[in-house]
Protein backbone atom coordinates (compact mmCIF):
# COMPACT_ATOMS: atom_id res chain seq x y z
CA MET A 1 9.73 10.52 -7.85
CA LEU A 2 6.56 8.42 -7.94
CA TYR A 3 7.22 4.70 -8.30
CA ALA A 4 3.82 3.97 -9.84
CA ASP A 5 1.32 5.84 -11.95
CA TYR A 6 -2.43 5.40 -12.12
CA ALA A 7 -2.20 3.10 -15.16
CA GLN A 8 0.05 0.74 -13.18
CA TYR A 9 -2.30 1.03 -10.23
CA SER A 10 -5.21 0.05 -12.47
CA ARG A 11 -3.25 -3.00 -13.63
CA TYR A 12 -1.79 -4.20 -10.29
CA GLY A 13 -3.95 -2.61 -7.56
CA SER A 14 -7.37 -3.27 -6.12
CA GLY A 15 -8.95 -0.40 -8.05
CA SER A 16 -10.52 1.09 -4.93
CA VAL A 17 -8.46 4.31 -4.90
CA PRO A 18 -10.07 7.15 -6.88
CA SER A 19 -7.78 8.70 -9.48
CA GLY A 20 -8.00 12.08 -7.73
CA GLU A 21 -6.51 10.65 -4.53
CA PHE A 22 -3.95 8.38 -6.12
CA GLU A 23 -1.08 10.85 -6.62
CA LYS A 24 -1.01 11.99 -2.99
CA LEU A 25 -0.99 8.39 -1.75
CA ALA A 26 1.58 7.31 -4.36
CA ASP A 27 3.83 10.17 -3.25
CA ARG A 28 3.60 9.03 0.37
CA ALA A 29 4.23 5.41 -0.65
CA SER A 30 7.21 6.43 -2.80
CA GLN A 31 8.69 8.46 0.06
CA TRP A 32 8.36 5.42 2.33
CA ILE A 33 10.09 3.24 -0.27
CA ASP A 34 12.90 5.81 -0.55
CA TYR A 35 13.22 5.79 3.23
CA VAL A 36 13.50 2.01 3.61
CA THR A 37 15.80 1.61 0.58
CA PHE A 38 18.07 4.44 1.72
CA GLY A 39 17.37 6.41 -1.48
CA ARG A 40 19.15 3.84 -3.68
CA ILE A 41 16.47 3.64 -6.38
CA THR A 42 17.26 5.79 -9.40
CA PRO A 43 14.79 6.46 -12.25
CA ASP A 44 16.59 4.02 -14.55
CA LYS A 45 16.37 1.23 -11.93
CA VAL A 46 12.62 1.27 -11.29
CA THR A 47 11.38 -2.28 -11.83
CA GLU A 48 7.97 -3.92 -11.88
CA LYS A 49 8.57 -5.12 -8.31
CA ILE A 50 9.06 -1.52 -7.19
CA ASN A 51 5.87 -0.52 -9.04
CA ARG A 52 3.94 -3.32 -7.37
CA CYS A 53 5.32 -2.44 -3.95
CA CYS A 54 4.20 1.17 -4.38
CA VAL A 55 0.76 0.09 -5.59
CA GLU A 56 0.27 -2.26 -2.63
CA ILE A 57 1.29 0.48 -0.17
CA VAL A 58 -1.16 2.87 -1.87
CA ASP A 59 -3.93 0.28 -1.40
CA TYR A 60 -2.93 -0.16 2.25
CA LEU A 61 -2.90 3.61 2.91
CA TYR A 62 -6.29 4.08 1.28
CA ALA A 63 -7.89 1.08 3.02
CA SER A 64 -6.57 2.07 6.43
CA ALA A 65 -7.77 5.66 5.92
CA GLN A 66 -11.21 4.38 4.96
CA PHE A 67 -11.25 2.21 8.06
CA ILE A 68 -10.33 5.14 10.31
CA VAL A 69 -12.69 7.67 8.68
CA GLU A 70 -15.66 5.47 7.88
CA GLY A 71 -15.10 2.60 10.29
CA LYS A 72 -15.33 0.18 7.38
CA GLY A 73 -13.17 -2.80 6.67
CA VAL A 74 -13.94 -6.26 5.37
CA VAL A 75 -17.55 -7.35 5.80
CA THR A 76 -17.52 -10.21 8.32
CA SER A 77 -21.27 -10.65 8.72
CA GLU A 78 -24.49 -9.20 7.36
CA THR A 79 -28.07 -9.48 8.58
CA VAL A 80 -31.07 -8.59 6.43
CA ASP A 81 -33.93 -7.95 8.89
CA LYS A 82 -33.20 -4.71 10.75
CA TRP A 83 -30.18 -4.44 8.46
CA ARG A 84 -26.86 -4.90 10.25
CA VAL A 85 -23.34 -5.21 8.85
CA SER A 86 -20.20 -6.08 10.81
CA TYR A 87 -16.77 -5.05 9.60
CA ALA A 88 -13.23 -6.08 10.49
CA ILE A 89 -9.92 -4.98 9.14
CA PRO A 90 -7.36 -7.70 8.40
CA ALA A 91 -4.35 -7.67 10.74
CA SER A 92 -2.10 -7.01 7.74
CA MET A 93 -4.05 -3.79 7.08
CA SER A 94 -4.10 -2.58 10.69
CA PRO A 95 -4.01 1.21 10.96
CA ASN A 96 -2.57 0.80 14.47
CA ASN A 97 0.96 0.16 13.20
CA PRO A 98 1.30 1.54 9.69
CA ASP A 99 5.11 1.41 9.65
CA ALA A 100 5.11 -2.33 10.32
CA ALA A 101 2.44 -2.97 7.71
CA MET A 102 4.26 -0.93 5.05
CA MET A 103 7.57 -2.60 5.96
CA ASP A 104 5.95 -6.02 5.49
CA ILE A 105 4.85 -4.96 2.02
CA CYS A 106 8.37 -3.75 1.21
CA ARG A 107 9.89 -7.02 2.45
CA LYS A 108 7.54 -8.91 0.16
CA TRP A 109 8.57 -6.99 -2.97
CA LEU A 110 12.05 -5.56 -2.36
CA THR A 111 14.14 -8.30 -0.75
CA ARG A 112 14.65 -11.02 -3.33
CA PRO A 113 16.37 -10.83 -5.76
CA THR A 114 16.80 -7.04 -5.58
CA ASN A 115 17.81 -6.85 -1.90
CA LEU A 116 17.02 -3.13 -1.79
CA LEU A 117 16.41 -3.26 1.96
CA TYR A 118 20.02 -4.29 2.69
CA MET A 119 21.59 -1.79 5.09
CA GLY A 120 25.22 -2.30 3.98
CA ASP A 121 27.08 -0.77 1.04
């Protein structure tokens, strides 16, 4: 089950993910959310916080893929003569540890007041 659709992404996300790539990334994000919440989210319990969590993970996955493929991140400096642009990727978007980055996003959206990351019964 996808926890966000493209309309929600357009509302809450950065808008950088093309619609043709959104579903694949949303599926991966939703699977990660299922993994860290131990499959406790049912279709009738999907909240705006869960939508926003999925959208933010989609943005992270797309941005980190762009960084890896194109070597692009956030522009840190730009020179006009003999055109030169320097890029950096924020530590929170690091492709070096995607599990930690996605877990940070989940902590932001799924801990209070929902507490979906709780490991007990």
